[in-house]
């Protein structure tokens, strides 16, 4: 048999299984879902594999597809461990990603999407209903009327429905982000059509209603909280450790996939080599404090990498899939950064600087409370911009999972600086300076450019006063120059460097210089003695960091340089370099 194709971007389970695509078997979770929740709510980041898993469930439970069980599931886990509910449901499914969020088109688009789904449902299951069911369904004008009629008829005939909603909050998030709270509240509160639609779903799922099971996915709990006053008809299983691996790929699953393609295609790199390439960019998503030893890879990112690697036998020129960037851009307007660089912008800066923060992850909160610190951090967690690292003093410790996410945070932070009129520099100019730093060893102009801009832009002076934000500026801007991989708070020899500028030798093997940078900050009236003490402290720390094996393992043949920066207010008082 020919080598299996990469199912990058595919969500059609039947096509994957019948057209010779590689499938990572997640069917062991089917019984686990059945045992734990009839009405299952799961939040995961964008492009993580949610839609494919729902499609698997549709094929498994659909009464009209039960005869395909052996063909599609026979050699999978569930093939030898089927549950009694296999092939026992009428399946009604929606995907609200297809609803137009334009307020002038929203109701029509929602009703059109639902009409298409009900039309397919009526055609597909007509034989289970009394004559005239399909004609009556198609004559009803609105989604809520079609839903009410379907529930009524299915209940009368004692039929069981499994209802799926994928991307339940897609268009509501778009409205909240682009149109604001007024339009969003009109949609999710009171008697508006969307809230009314969910009320009808609840009616069909309670008591002896025909909706016996439900599986809903999205990227945050906000809309669910607003349209239902909390998901009070089911279970939010997002942070349940038993389902940490239900979506995405574990490292074992990635290794198994790579081993398969190595055996089939004979590429030279070892599986370990490819894991070491992918891990910093795509790994480290954890969805429970009890799953710290089970980090998950973003499945879309892994498939993107492999689909690019196999034909070229080398890593893709761009490690970040443009589709991921596009999806993060759709979410960034929901990350409400204060116009005056207040609490939430400072939270982003704290995360960029330190790589972590603590929070109490909230299972539900309304849109009007997004700006509250714990809710804001929870939102970053649900979007995949933060991941669980452990616990600290009774709170959840959240960290930036990987380099792909870190780049998005750099972008958000720079936007926050600009919107608050705090600080802005030209990235194209900085990019050229960093190139000279990397290839020619001409390091000083980079930091002198930062210093000159800090002195020139008067708005920064009040902002810096009393607290060192300089490192945030450096990290955010340097992190977007794409010559170095910037590791803030780089762990080395029981200490933390402010940041390690690790050369991107995979894509730019001719880079000649790498850097560890220590940034110190002193108030504007600090004495020369205080400045000298900070300089000496930085020099000692840099020497310790430079001796770490992790640095030597990643710097390649580059010349490692140690840079000390001491800012006195907004002025650069010390800018010196030493060799490691």
Protein backbone atom coordinates (compact mmCIF):
# COMPACT_ATOMS: atom_id res chain seq x y z
CA UNK A 1 0.00 0.00 0.00
CA UNK A 2 1.21 3.53 -0.79
CA UNK A 3 2.51 5.72 2.01
CA UNK A 4 -0.32 7.33 3.91
CA UNK A 5 -1.07 10.96 3.10
CA UNK A 6 -0.86 13.75 5.68
CA UNK A 7 -4.39 14.81 6.73
CA UNK A 8 -3.39 18.47 7.14
CA UNK A 9 -6.54 20.61 7.25
CA UNK A 10 -8.91 17.63 6.91
CA UNK A 11 -11.87 17.13 9.23
CA UNK A 12 -13.68 14.43 7.21
CA UNK A 13 -13.14 11.18 9.11
CA UNK A 14 -14.51 8.99 6.31
CA UNK A 15 -12.15 10.51 3.76
CA UNK A 16 -9.18 10.12 6.09
CA UNK A 17 -9.99 6.46 6.67
CA UNK A 18 -10.91 5.47 3.11
CA UNK A 19 -8.44 7.57 1.07
CA UNK A 20 -5.27 6.35 2.80
CA UNK A 21 -4.54 9.22 5.17
CA UNK A 22 -2.71 8.85 8.47
CA UNK A 23 -5.09 8.90 11.46
CA UNK A 24 -4.07 9.35 15.08
CA UNK A 25 -6.48 7.09 16.93
CA UNK A 26 -8.51 9.01 19.52
CA UNK A 27 -11.39 6.54 19.68
CA UNK A 28 -10.42 5.32 23.16
CA UNK A 29 -12.08 8.51 24.44
CA UNK A 30 -15.50 7.58 23.05
CA UNK A 31 -16.40 5.31 25.96
CA UNK A 32 -14.86 7.79 28.40
CA UNK A 33 -17.15 10.54 27.11
CA UNK A 34 -20.17 8.25 27.39
CA UNK A 35 -19.37 7.35 30.98
CA UNK A 36 -18.83 10.88 32.20
CA UNK A 37 -21.26 13.30 30.58
CA UNK A 38 -24.39 13.13 28.48
CA UNK A 39 -24.02 16.80 27.63
CA UNK A 40 -20.34 17.44 27.01
CA UNK A 41 -18.78 20.89 26.67
CA UNK A 42 -15.13 21.13 25.59
CA UNK A 43 -13.00 24.23 25.07
CA UNK A 44 -9.76 23.99 23.15
CA UNK A 45 -7.65 26.49 21.20
CA UNK A 46 -8.25 27.12 17.50
CA UNK A 47 -6.92 24.55 15.01
CA UNK A 48 -6.41 21.86 17.61
CA UNK A 49 -8.46 19.04 16.08
CA UNK A 50 -11.91 19.62 17.58
CA UNK A 51 -13.82 19.42 14.31
CA UNK A 52 -12.26 16.09 13.32
CA UNK A 53 -13.11 14.53 16.68
CA UNK A 54 -16.74 15.61 16.34
CA UNK A 55 -16.82 14.09 12.86
CA UNK A 56 -15.51 10.82 14.31
CA UNK A 57 -18.36 10.83 16.82
CA UNK A 58 -20.92 11.50 14.09
CA UNK A 59 -19.78 8.46 12.12
CA UNK A 60 -19.72 6.32 15.24
CA UNK A 61 -23.18 7.14 16.62
CA UNK A 62 -25.24 7.75 13.47
CA UNK A 63 -27.92 5.08 13.05
CA UNK A 64 -27.68 5.46 9.28
CA UNK A 65 -23.94 4.84 9.34
CA UNK A 66 -23.76 1.91 11.73
CA UNK A 67 -23.05 -0.50 8.89
CA UNK A 68 -19.80 1.41 8.16
CA UNK A 69 -18.45 0.59 11.62
CA UNK A 70 -16.16 -2.23 10.60
CA UNK A 71 -14.80 -0.40 7.56
CA UNK A 72 -14.02 2.85 9.40
CA UNK A 73 -13.36 1.70 12.97
CA UNK A 74 -12.43 -1.98 12.69
CA UNK A 75 -8.68 -1.61 13.24
CA UNK A 76 -8.98 1.27 15.73
CA UNK A 77 -9.30 1.01 19.51
CA UNK A 78 -13.07 1.32 19.48
CA UNK A 79 -13.25 -1.40 16.81
CA UNK A 80 -12.48 -4.02 19.41
CA UNK A 81 -14.11 -2.09 22.30
CA UNK A 82 -17.48 -0.90 20.91
CA UNK A 83 -20.09 0.55 23.24
CA UNK A 84 -23.80 -0.41 23.21
CA UNK A 85 -24.69 3.06 21.92
CA UNK A 86 -22.82 2.66 18.63
CA UNK A 87 -25.14 3.48 15.73
CA UNK A 88 -28.10 4.27 17.97
CA UNK A 89 -28.76 7.99 17.32
CA UNK A 90 -30.21 10.42 14.87
CA UNK A 91 -27.43 13.00 14.50
CA UNK A 92 -28.20 16.73 14.32
CA UNK A 93 -25.09 18.87 13.86
CA UNK A 94 -24.21 22.52 13.44
CA UNK A 95 -21.01 24.42 12.79
CA UNK A 96 -21.44 28.08 13.62
CA UNK A 97 -18.13 29.02 12.02
CA UNK A 98 -20.15 29.35 8.84
CA UNK A 99 -22.48 32.03 10.21
CA UNK A 100 -21.84 35.56 8.93
CA UNK A 101 -21.23 37.86 11.95
CA UNK A 102 -22.21 41.02 10.06
CA UNK A 103 -25.16 42.38 12.12
CA UNK A 104 -27.12 43.11 8.95
CA UNK A 105 -26.70 39.53 7.75
CA UNK A 106 -26.52 37.64 11.04
CA UNK A 107 -30.10 36.45 11.53
CA UNK A 108 -30.49 35.51 7.88
CA UNK A 109 -27.14 33.72 7.84
CA UNK A 110 -27.90 31.85 11.08
CA UNK A 111 -31.30 30.73 9.83
CA UNK A 112 -29.83 29.73 6.44
CA UNK A 113 -27.14 27.61 8.11
CA UNK A 114 -29.63 25.95 10.42
CA UNK A 115 -32.12 25.45 7.58
CA UNK A 116 -29.49 23.57 5.61
CA UNK A 117 -28.70 21.36 8.58
CA UNK A 118 -32.39 20.66 9.33
CA UNK A 119 -33.06 20.00 5.66
CA UNK A 120 -30.29 17.42 5.60
CA UNK A 121 -31.55 15.94 8.89
CA UNK A 122 -35.11 15.63 7.54
CA UNK A 123 -33.95 14.05 4.30
CA UNK A 124 -31.50 11.71 6.01
CA UNK A 125 -33.89 10.44 8.70
CA UNK A 126 -37.25 10.82 6.97
CA UNK A 127 -37.96 7.10 7.28
CA UNK A 128 -38.03 7.35 11.10
CA UNK A 129 -40.78 9.99 11.13
CA UNK A 130 -44.39 10.08 10.04
CA UNK A 131 -45.24 11.02 6.45
CA UNK A 132 -45.00 14.72 5.75
CA UNK A 133 -42.21 15.36 8.24
CA UNK A 134 -39.74 16.66 5.68
CA UNK A 135 -42.27 18.88 3.91
CA UNK A 136 -43.42 20.41 7.20
CA UNK A 137 -39.81 20.96 8.31
CA UNK A 138 -38.94 22.80 5.11
CA UNK A 139 -42.03 25.01 5.39
CA UNK A 140 -41.05 26.43 8.78
CA UNK A 141 -39.26 29.77 8.37
CA UNK A 142 -36.90 30.02 11.33
CA UNK A 143 -34.29 27.89 13.09
CA UNK A 144 -36.09 27.91 16.44
CA UNK A 145 -39.35 26.73 14.84
CA UNK A 146 -37.56 23.94 13.01
CA UNK A 147 -35.84 22.92 16.24
CA UNK A 148 -39.09 23.00 18.22
CA UNK A 149 -40.84 20.88 15.58
CA UNK A 150 -37.97 18.36 15.42
CA UNK A 151 -37.89 17.99 19.20
CA UNK A 152 -41.66 17.58 19.38
CA UNK A 153 -41.84 14.92 16.66
CA UNK A 154 -38.80 12.99 17.90
CA UNK A 155 -40.16 12.98 21.44
CA UNK A 156 -43.55 11.74 20.28
CA UNK A 157 -41.91 8.87 18.37
CA UNK A 158 -39.44 8.07 21.16
CA UNK A 159 -36.41 8.81 18.95
CA UNK A 160 -32.97 9.63 20.38
CA UNK A 161 -30.90 12.54 19.05
CA UNK A 162 -27.20 13.21 19.46
CA UNK A 163 -26.65 16.95 18.90
CA UNK A 164 -23.29 18.47 17.94
CA UNK A 165 -22.34 22.13 17.80
CA UNK A 166 -18.85 22.93 16.57
CA UNK A 167 -17.43 26.45 17.02
CA UNK A 168 -20.50 27.41 19.01
CA UNK A 169 -19.02 30.84 19.86
CA UNK A 170 -17.40 31.71 16.53
CA UNK A 171 -19.77 34.41 15.31
CA UNK A 172 -20.56 35.72 18.80
CA UNK A 173 -16.85 36.24 19.43
CA UNK A 174 -16.57 38.08 16.11
CA UNK A 175 -19.45 40.35 17.08
CA UNK A 176 -18.00 41.01 20.53
CA UNK A 177 -14.59 41.78 19.03
CA UNK A 178 -15.68 43.89 16.08
CA UNK A 179 -19.01 45.42 17.10
CA UNK A 180 -18.69 45.71 20.87
CA UNK A 181 -20.69 44.72 23.92
CA UNK A 182 -23.92 46.44 22.90
CA UNK A 183 -24.42 44.27 19.82
CA UNK A 184 -23.11 41.21 21.64
CA UNK A 185 -25.52 41.66 24.58
CA UNK A 186 -28.45 42.10 22.23
CA UNK A 187 -27.59 38.69 20.78
CA UNK A 188 -26.94 36.77 23.99
CA UNK A 189 -29.30 38.35 26.52
CA UNK A 190 -33.02 38.83 26.81
CA UNK A 191 -35.17 37.24 24.12
CA UNK A 192 -32.84 37.47 21.12
CA UNK A 193 -32.81 34.56 18.69
CA UNK A 194 -29.51 32.98 19.78
CA UNK A 195 -30.40 32.82 23.46
CA UNK A 196 -33.86 31.57 22.51
CA UNK A 197 -32.30 28.86 20.33
CA UNK A 198 -30.23 27.62 23.28
CA UNK A 199 -33.29 27.66 25.53
CA UNK A 200 -35.00 25.36 23.04
CA UNK A 201 -31.98 23.07 23.07
CA UNK A 202 -32.20 22.86 26.84
CA UNK A 203 -35.88 22.00 26.64
CA UNK A 204 -35.11 19.18 24.24
CA UNK A 205 -32.33 17.86 26.46
CA UNK A 206 -34.13 17.83 29.81
CA UNK A 207 -36.70 15.46 31.26
CA UNK A 208 -37.85 12.98 28.64
CA UNK A 209 -36.68 15.16 25.75
CA UNK A 210 -35.25 13.40 22.69
CA UNK A 211 -31.80 15.05 22.83
CA UNK A 212 -30.06 12.35 24.85
CA UNK A 213 -26.50 13.44 24.17
CA UNK A 214 -24.82 16.67 23.22
CA UNK A 215 -21.23 17.63 22.39
CA UNK A 216 -20.39 21.33 22.05
CA UNK A 217 -16.99 22.85 21.28
CA UNK A 218 -15.65 26.39 21.30
CA UNK A 219 -12.69 28.52 22.29
CA UNK A 220 -14.03 30.13 25.47
CA UNK A 221 -16.85 29.76 28.01
CA UNK A 222 -17.95 33.39 27.66
CA UNK A 223 -20.85 32.97 25.24
CA UNK A 224 -22.09 29.84 27.01
CA UNK A 225 -22.20 31.75 30.26
CA UNK A 226 -24.10 34.60 28.65
CA UNK A 227 -26.68 32.61 26.65
CA UNK A 228 -27.44 30.00 29.32
CA UNK A 229 -26.33 31.64 32.57
CA UNK A 230 -23.65 28.98 32.72
CA UNK A 231 -23.68 25.58 31.08
CA UNK A 232 -26.31 24.31 33.49
CA UNK A 233 -27.52 21.41 31.38
CA UNK A 234 -24.22 19.63 31.14
CA UNK A 235 -20.58 19.34 32.09
CA UNK A 236 -17.68 21.57 31.17
CA UNK A 237 -14.95 18.94 30.84
CA UNK A 238 -12.26 21.32 29.60
CA UNK A 239 -9.94 21.00 32.60
CA UNK A 240 -10.79 17.39 33.52
CA UNK A 241 -7.48 15.50 33.47
CA UNK A 242 -9.14 12.42 31.94
CA UNK A 243 -9.67 14.40 28.73
CA UNK A 244 -6.34 16.22 28.57
CA UNK A 245 -5.36 14.17 25.51
CA UNK A 246 -8.72 13.98 23.73
CA UNK A 247 -7.67 16.69 21.25
CA UNK A 248 -4.16 17.38 19.96
CA UNK A 249 -1.24 14.95 19.83
CA UNK A 250 0.79 13.54 22.69
CA UNK A 251 4.53 13.22 22.16
CA UNK A 252 4.11 9.45 21.90
CA UNK A 253 1.59 9.93 19.09
CA UNK A 254 3.92 12.35 17.29
CA UNK A 255 6.84 9.94 17.63
CA UNK A 256 4.77 7.07 16.29
CA UNK A 257 3.76 9.16 13.28
CA UNK A 258 7.34 10.24 12.58
CA UNK A 259 8.58 6.66 12.94
CA UNK A 260 5.99 5.53 10.39
CA UNK A 261 7.07 8.14 7.83
CA UNK A 262 10.75 7.46 8.46
CA UNK A 263 10.21 3.77 7.75
CA UNK A 264 8.13 4.54 4.66
CA UNK A 265 10.23 7.32 3.12
CA UNK A 266 13.70 6.75 4.56
CA UNK A 267 14.45 10.35 5.49
CA UNK A 268 17.84 10.79 7.17
CA UNK A 269 16.94 12.78 10.29
CA UNK A 270 16.21 10.76 13.40
CA UNK A 271 12.85 10.92 15.13
CA UNK A 272 14.59 12.57 18.08
CA UNK A 273 16.01 15.25 15.77
CA UNK A 274 12.57 16.11 14.44
CA UNK A 275 11.02 16.09 17.91
CA UNK A 276 13.74 18.51 19.04
CA UNK A 277 12.85 20.74 16.09
CA UNK A 278 9.09 20.73 16.69
CA UNK A 279 8.85 20.67 20.46
CA UNK A 280 9.82 24.30 21.20
CA UNK A 281 7.33 25.54 18.61
CA UNK A 282 4.29 23.28 18.94
CA UNK A 283 4.30 21.47 22.32
CA UNK A 284 3.51 22.10 25.99
CA UNK A 285 -0.25 22.53 26.10
CA UNK A 286 -1.66 21.16 29.35
CA UNK A 287 -5.32 21.40 30.28
CA UNK A 288 -5.25 20.15 33.87
CA UNK A 289 -3.00 20.51 36.88
CA UNK A 290 -3.10 16.71 37.07
CA UNK A 291 -1.71 16.34 33.54
CA UNK A 292 1.68 17.98 33.93
CA UNK A 293 3.40 14.86 32.59
CA UNK A 294 1.13 14.73 29.50
CA UNK A 295 1.85 17.87 27.46
CA UNK A 296 0.04 18.03 24.12
CA UNK A 297 1.21 19.21 20.71
CA UNK A 298 -1.06 21.36 18.56
CA UNK A 299 -2.08 18.81 15.91
CA UNK A 300 -2.50 21.36 13.12
CA UNK A 301 1.04 22.64 13.68
CA UNK A 302 2.50 19.12 13.68
CA UNK A 303 0.73 18.17 10.45
CA UNK A 304 1.81 21.46 8.88
CA UNK A 305 5.44 20.70 9.74
CA UNK A 306 5.38 17.10 8.48
CA UNK A 307 3.55 17.99 5.26
CA UNK A 308 6.30 20.53 4.51
CA UNK A 309 9.18 18.41 5.77
CA UNK A 310 8.56 15.20 3.82
CA UNK A 311 8.93 16.52 0.26
CA UNK A 312 11.93 18.76 1.09
CA UNK A 313 13.63 16.70 3.84
CA UNK A 314 14.12 19.91 5.81
CA UNK A 315 12.17 22.09 8.20
CA UNK A 316 9.78 24.59 6.60
CA UNK A 317 11.16 28.09 6.09
CA UNK A 318 8.39 29.36 8.36
CA UNK A 319 7.84 27.29 11.48
CA UNK A 320 4.52 29.00 12.14
CA UNK A 321 1.58 28.08 9.93
CA UNK A 322 0.01 31.24 8.49
CA UNK A 323 -3.41 29.78 9.29
CA UNK A 324 -2.47 29.82 12.97
CA UNK A 325 -1.47 33.48 12.71
CA UNK A 326 -4.76 34.27 11.00
CA UNK A 327 -6.76 32.58 13.75
CA UNK A 328 -4.84 34.37 16.50
CA UNK A 329 -5.53 37.64 14.72
CA UNK A 330 -9.24 36.85 14.91
CA UNK A 331 -8.92 36.47 18.67
CA UNK A 332 -6.68 39.41 19.45
CA UNK A 333 -9.53 41.92 19.52
CA UNK A 334 -11.08 39.94 22.36
CA UNK A 335 -7.89 40.45 24.35
CA UNK A 336 -8.83 43.85 25.60
CA UNK A 337 -5.66 45.78 26.24
CA UNK A 338 -6.22 49.03 28.09
CA UNK A 339 -5.83 52.21 26.07
CA UNK A 340 -3.79 53.68 28.92
CA UNK A 341 -1.71 50.53 29.37
CA UNK A 342 -3.51 49.46 32.51
CA UNK A 343 -3.97 46.10 34.21
CA UNK A 344 -4.44 43.76 31.25
CA UNK A 345 -1.66 45.24 29.13
CA UNK A 346 0.57 44.93 32.17
CA UNK A 347 -0.44 41.28 32.50
CA UNK A 348 0.69 40.65 28.91
CA UNK A 349 3.97 42.42 29.69
CA UNK A 350 4.44 40.36 32.88
CA UNK A 351 3.92 37.16 30.87
CA UNK A 352 6.32 38.28 28.14
CA UNK A 353 8.96 39.25 30.69
CA UNK A 354 8.67 36.29 33.04
CA UNK A 355 7.16 33.59 30.85
CA UNK A 356 4.49 32.82 33.47
CA UNK A 357 1.80 34.15 35.77
CA UNK A 358 -0.56 32.80 38.42
CA UNK A 359 -4.34 32.75 38.25
CA UNK A 360 -7.51 31.04 39.34
CA UNK A 361 -8.88 29.57 36.10
CA UNK A 362 -12.55 30.50 35.84
CA UNK A 363 -14.94 27.96 34.32
CA UNK A 364 -17.41 30.67 33.35
CA UNK A 365 -17.64 34.44 33.21
CA UNK A 366 -19.74 36.89 31.18
CA UNK A 367 -18.32 39.14 28.49
CA UNK A 368 -18.72 42.22 30.65
CA UNK A 369 -16.25 40.74 33.16
CA UNK A 370 -13.50 39.76 30.69
CA UNK A 371 -11.30 42.63 31.89
CA UNK A 372 -11.06 41.31 35.46
CA UNK A 373 -7.53 39.93 35.95
CA UNK A 374 -8.38 36.28 36.67
CA UNK A 375 -10.96 36.23 33.86
CA UNK A 376 -8.49 37.85 31.48
CA UNK A 377 -5.82 35.29 32.33
CA UNK A 378 -8.40 32.52 32.01
CA UNK A 379 -9.27 33.81 28.55
CA UNK A 380 -5.60 33.68 27.54
CA UNK A 381 -5.52 30.10 28.81
CA UNK A 382 -8.62 29.06 26.85
CA UNK A 383 -7.25 30.66 23.68
CA UNK A 384 -4.05 28.62 24.07
CA UNK A 385 -1.89 31.67 24.76
CA UNK A 386 -1.15 30.28 28.22
CA UNK A 387 -0.91 26.70 29.41
CA UNK A 388 -0.90 25.05 32.82
CA UNK A 389 2.59 24.61 34.28
CA UNK A 390 1.66 23.58 37.83
CA UNK A 391 0.50 25.27 41.01
CA UNK A 392 1.97 28.03 43.10
CA UNK A 393 0.74 29.16 46.53
CA UNK A 394 -2.66 27.61 45.87
CA UNK A 395 -3.17 29.16 42.43
CA UNK A 396 -2.66 27.70 38.98
CA UNK A 397 0.71 28.53 37.43
CA UNK A 398 0.27 29.43 33.78
CA UNK A 399 3.09 29.72 31.26
CA UNK A 400 3.65 30.49 27.59
CA UNK A 401 3.53 27.03 25.96
CA UNK A 402 5.84 27.52 22.99
CA UNK A 403 7.55 29.87 20.54
CA UNK A 404 4.54 30.06 18.22
CA UNK A 405 2.45 31.50 21.02
CA UNK A 406 5.26 33.72 22.28
CA UNK A 407 5.38 35.46 18.90
CA UNK A 408 1.66 36.24 19.15
CA UNK A 409 2.18 37.72 22.61
CA UNK A 410 5.06 39.87 21.35
CA UNK A 411 2.70 41.20 18.68
CA UNK A 412 -0.07 41.93 21.20
CA UNK A 413 2.35 43.73 23.51
CA UNK A 414 3.71 45.93 20.73
CA UNK A 415 0.13 46.79 19.72
CA UNK A 416 -0.59 47.71 23.34
CA UNK A 417 2.45 50.02 23.44
CA UNK A 418 1.32 51.71 20.27
CA UNK A 419 -2.34 52.07 21.23
CA UNK A 420 -1.38 53.57 24.58
CA UNK A 421 1.09 55.87 22.79
CA UNK A 422 3.84 54.53 25.04
CA UNK A 423 6.57 53.40 22.68
CA UNK A 424 6.99 52.56 19.02
CA UNK A 425 9.98 51.86 16.79
CA UNK A 426 10.40 50.83 13.18
CA UNK A 427 10.72 47.06 12.95
CA UNK A 428 12.34 47.16 9.52
CA UNK A 429 15.21 49.30 10.87
CA UNK A 430 15.62 47.08 13.92
CA UNK A 431 15.61 44.01 11.69
CA UNK A 432 18.56 45.35 9.69
CA UNK A 433 20.48 46.17 12.85
CA UNK A 434 19.88 42.69 14.27
CA UNK A 435 21.13 41.15 11.03
CA UNK A 436 24.40 43.05 11.48
CA UNK A 437 24.48 41.85 15.08
CA UNK A 438 24.03 38.22 14.01
CA UNK A 439 26.31 38.05 11.00
CA UNK A 440 28.96 40.73 11.68
CA UNK A 441 28.99 40.84 15.46
CA UNK A 442 28.02 44.52 15.36
CA UNK A 443 25.88 44.32 18.50
CA UNK A 444 26.06 47.78 20.03
CA UNK A 445 23.93 49.70 17.48
CA UNK A 446 20.91 47.57 18.36
CA UNK A 447 20.85 48.67 21.97
CA UNK A 448 21.94 52.20 21.19
CA UNK A 449 18.99 52.45 18.82
CA UNK A 450 16.64 51.36 21.61
CA UNK A 451 18.26 53.86 23.96
CA UNK A 452 18.00 56.74 21.50
CA UNK A 453 14.31 55.97 20.90
CA UNK A 454 13.64 55.84 24.63
CA UNK A 455 15.20 59.27 25.00
CA UNK A 456 13.47 60.68 21.92
CA UNK A 457 9.93 59.53 22.69
CA UNK A 458 8.84 61.62 25.63
CA UNK A 459 5.72 59.52 26.37
CA UNK A 460 7.94 56.72 27.60
CA UNK A 461 9.42 58.73 30.42
CA UNK A 462 6.34 58.86 32.61
CA UNK A 463 5.63 55.21 31.80
CA UNK A 464 9.06 53.99 32.93
CA UNK A 465 9.14 56.10 36.05
CA UNK A 466 9.44 53.90 39.14
CA UNK A 467 9.48 50.55 37.33
CA UNK A 468 11.66 48.82 34.76
CA UNK A 469 9.64 48.14 31.63
CA UNK A 470 12.72 48.29 29.40
CA UNK A 471 13.05 44.52 29.19
CA UNK A 472 9.50 44.24 27.88
CA UNK A 473 10.31 46.59 25.02
CA UNK A 474 13.47 44.71 24.14
CA UNK A 475 11.84 41.29 24.27
CA UNK A 476 8.76 42.22 22.26
CA UNK A 477 10.61 43.97 19.46
CA UNK A 478 13.62 41.66 19.27
CA UNK A 479 11.28 38.67 19.30
CA UNK A 480 9.74 39.75 15.99
CA UNK A 481 13.00 40.21 14.06
CA UNK A 482 13.17 36.46 13.16
CA UNK A 483 16.94 36.19 13.28
CA UNK A 484 17.14 34.95 16.85
CA UNK A 485 14.84 32.81 18.94
CA UNK A 486 14.40 34.88 22.08
CA UNK A 487 14.17 32.96 25.34
CA UNK A 488 13.23 35.31 28.20
CA UNK A 489 14.11 34.32 31.75
CA UNK A 490 16.25 31.58 30.25
CA UNK A 491 16.81 28.95 32.90
CA UNK A 492 20.51 28.24 33.32
CA UNK A 493 22.73 27.15 36.19
CA UNK A 494 20.09 27.79 38.88
CA UNK A 495 19.59 31.34 37.72
CA UNK A 496 17.70 33.20 35.06
CA UNK A 497 19.21 35.35 32.34
CA UNK A 498 17.01 38.22 31.22
CA UNK A 499 17.09 36.73 27.77
CA UNK A 500 19.14 34.42 25.60
CA UNK A 501 19.30 35.33 21.91
CA UNK A 502 19.57 31.82 20.53
CA UNK A 503 20.62 31.74 16.87
CA UNK A 504 18.08 30.21 14.49
CA UNK A 505 20.65 27.89 12.96
CA UNK A 506 18.03 25.65 11.35
CA UNK A 507 16.99 28.37 8.94
CA UNK A 508 20.08 30.61 9.05
CA UNK A 509 23.08 28.32 9.61
CA UNK A 510 25.58 31.04 8.71
CA UNK A 511 24.83 33.19 11.79
CA UNK A 512 28.13 33.89 13.52
CA UNK A 513 27.19 35.31 16.91
CA UNK A 514 24.85 34.49 19.79
CA UNK A 515 24.12 36.60 22.87
CA UNK A 516 22.99 36.42 26.46
CA UNK A 517 21.68 39.75 27.68
CA UNK A 518 21.27 40.94 31.25
CA UNK A 519 19.21 44.09 31.77
CA UNK A 520 19.45 46.10 34.97
CA UNK A 521 17.38 49.11 35.89
CA UNK A 522 18.13 51.97 38.25
CA UNK A 523 16.08 55.01 39.14
CA UNK A 524 16.97 58.31 37.50
CA UNK A 525 18.78 59.67 40.54
CA UNK A 526 20.87 56.52 41.18
CA UNK A 527 24.50 57.13 42.13
CA UNK A 528 27.53 55.96 40.17
CA UNK A 529 28.22 53.51 42.97
CA UNK A 530 24.76 51.96 42.54
CA UNK A 531 25.22 51.78 38.78
CA UNK A 532 28.58 50.05 39.21
CA UNK A 533 27.09 47.55 41.65
CA UNK A 534 24.43 46.62 39.10
CA UNK A 535 27.02 46.29 36.36
CA UNK A 536 29.14 43.99 38.51
CA UNK A 537 26.12 41.90 39.50
CA UNK A 538 25.14 41.49 35.83
CA UNK A 539 28.67 40.39 34.88
CA UNK A 540 28.67 37.66 37.53
CA UNK A 541 25.22 36.41 36.46
CA UNK A 542 26.17 36.35 32.80
CA UNK A 543 29.24 34.22 33.50
CA UNK A 544 27.11 31.69 35.35
CA UNK A 545 24.50 31.59 32.60
CA UNK A 546 27.13 31.18 29.89
CA UNK A 547 28.44 27.99 31.47
CA UNK A 548 25.14 26.20 31.18
CA UNK A 549 25.12 23.09 28.92
CA UNK A 550 21.81 24.18 27.38
CA UNK A 551 23.47 27.27 25.96
CA UNK A 552 26.37 25.32 24.53
CA UNK A 553 24.00 22.75 23.01
CA UNK A 554 22.06 25.42 21.10
CA UNK A 555 24.62 28.05 20.16
CA UNK A 556 26.35 25.81 17.61
CA UNK A 557 29.61 27.24 16.36
CA UNK A 558 28.59 30.83 16.99
CA UNK A 559 30.66 33.08 19.20
CA UNK A 560 28.77 33.57 22.45
CA UNK A 561 28.79 37.11 23.73
CA UNK A 562 27.60 38.46 27.06
CA UNK A 563 25.92 41.85 27.02
CA UNK A 564 25.29 44.01 30.08
CA UNK A 565 22.74 46.81 29.88
CA UNK A 566 22.10 49.13 32.80
CA UNK A 567 19.40 51.73 32.30
CA UNK A 568 19.23 54.79 34.50
CA UNK A 569 15.65 55.84 34.03
CA UNK A 570 15.28 55.88 30.25
CA UNK A 571 18.97 56.45 29.59
CA UNK A 572 21.44 53.67 28.87
CA UNK A 573 24.18 54.12 31.46
CA UNK A 574 26.10 50.90 30.76
CA UNK A 575 26.31 49.07 27.43
CA UNK A 576 29.17 46.62 27.37
CA UNK A 577 30.03 43.22 26.00
CA UNK A 578 32.30 40.42 27.09
CA UNK A 579 33.16 37.09 25.51
CA UNK A 580 31.93 33.93 27.18
